[in-house]
Protein backbone atom coordinates (compact mmCIF):
# COMPACT_ATOMS: atom_id res chain seq x y z
CA UNK A 1 102.28 62.55 108.53
CA UNK A 2 99.13 62.41 110.64
CA UNK A 3 96.75 65.33 110.65
CA UNK A 4 95.70 66.44 114.26
CA UNK A 5 92.42 68.07 115.08
CA UNK A 6 93.01 71.23 117.10
CA UNK A 7 89.90 70.31 119.24
CA UNK A 8 91.75 67.08 120.35
CA UNK A 9 94.82 68.97 121.68
CA UNK A 10 95.15 70.00 125.37
CA UNK A 11 94.75 73.46 126.39
CA UNK A 12 98.59 74.00 126.84
CA UNK A 13 99.28 73.09 123.21
CA UNK A 14 96.42 75.30 122.07
CA UNK A 15 97.73 78.26 124.12
CA UNK A 16 101.26 77.53 122.84
CA UNK A 17 99.93 77.75 119.16
CA UNK A 18 98.01 80.85 119.88
CA UNK A 19 101.01 82.54 121.57
CA UNK A 20 103.23 81.75 118.60
CA UNK A 21 100.71 83.29 116.17
CA UNK A 22 100.11 86.37 118.46
CA UNK A 23 103.71 87.42 119.08
CA UNK A 24 104.78 86.90 115.60
CA UNK A 25 101.77 89.01 114.48
CA UNK A 26 102.78 91.75 116.80
CA UNK A 27 106.40 91.81 115.50
CA UNK A 28 105.18 91.83 111.87
CA UNK A 29 102.74 94.61 112.69
CA UNK A 30 105.31 96.74 114.31
CA UNK A 31 108.00 96.24 111.66
CA UNK A 32 105.32 96.92 108.79
CA UNK A 33 104.22 100.11 110.55
CA UNK A 34 107.86 101.33 111.04
CA UNK A 35 108.83 100.58 107.45
CA UNK A 36 105.69 102.08 105.86
CA UNK A 37 106.23 105.31 108.11
CA UNK A 38 109.74 105.59 107.13
CA UNK A 39 109.34 105.00 103.38
CA UNK A 40 106.16 107.23 103.41
CA UNK A 41 107.92 109.96 105.21
CA UNK A 42 110.87 110.03 102.97
CA UNK A 43 108.56 109.88 99.82
CA UNK A 44 106.33 112.38 101.20
CA UNK A 45 109.02 114.81 101.83
CA UNK A 46 110.55 114.35 98.36
CA UNK A 47 107.14 114.75 96.60
CA UNK A 48 106.33 117.76 98.76
CA UNK A 49 109.74 119.23 98.00
CA UNK A 50 109.30 118.63 94.24
CA UNK A 51 105.92 120.36 94.17
CA UNK A 52 103.71 117.30 94.00
CA UNK A 53 102.02 117.79 97.28
CA UNK A 54 98.51 116.85 96.05
CA UNK A 55 99.84 113.33 95.03
CA UNK A 56 101.22 112.50 98.55
CA UNK A 57 98.04 110.80 100.04
CA UNK A 58 97.51 108.75 97.02
CA UNK A 59 100.97 107.63 96.61
CA UNK A 60 101.19 107.05 100.31
CA UNK A 61 98.20 104.83 100.47
CA UNK A 62 99.39 102.83 97.55
CA UNK A 63 102.83 102.52 99.00
CA UNK A 64 101.47 101.52 102.51
CA UNK A 65 99.22 98.89 100.76
CA UNK A 66 102.30 97.41 99.13
CA UNK A 67 104.48 97.38 102.25
CA UNK A 68 101.59 95.66 104.16
CA UNK A 69 101.01 93.03 101.53
CA UNK A 70 104.92 92.36 101.62
CA UNK A 71 104.95 92.05 105.37
CA UNK A 72 101.98 89.79 105.14
CA UNK A 73 103.75 87.45 102.91
CA UNK A 74 106.64 87.63 105.31
CA UNK A 75 104.39 86.70 108.18
CA UNK A 76 102.91 83.71 106.24
CA UNK A 77 106.58 82.56 105.26
CA UNK A 78 107.50 82.83 108.94
CA UNK A 79 104.62 80.94 110.19
CA UNK A 80 105.10 78.05 107.72
CA UNK A 81 108.79 77.74 108.59
CA UNK A 82 108.62 77.98 112.34
CA UNK A 83 107.81 75.63 115.26
CA UNK A 84 104.58 76.66 116.87
CA UNK A 85 104.94 75.19 120.22
CA UNK A 86 105.78 71.48 119.41
CA UNK A 87 104.04 71.61 115.98
CA UNK A 88 104.63 72.89 112.42
CA UNK A 89 102.19 74.11 109.93
CA UNK A 90 102.16 72.18 106.79
CA UNK A 91 100.63 72.86 103.55
CA UNK A 92 98.75 69.86 101.93
CA UNK A 93 96.58 69.47 98.87
CA UNK A 94 92.84 70.06 99.57
CA UNK A 95 92.04 66.92 97.88
CA UNK A 96 93.70 64.67 100.44
């Protein structure tokens, strides 16, 4: 495996890599937002109905953070397992 410096790539390859990151980021952002809104709405309704209305902002914030971290993990896994143009991201030891 030969490492490639991104500065040495032609513009079309750089654009392809950037586009791959961009559209996946948009998909993950939309999915994360929809899931957090759905889960937060259901939990907020249940907490409000149960008389714990003052806890809704705190619980919602923590829940939103947890959903965001989970979707960030999914985003990184997706990037590391996908083709980005004609390339793959590869993790290597920093000592190499």
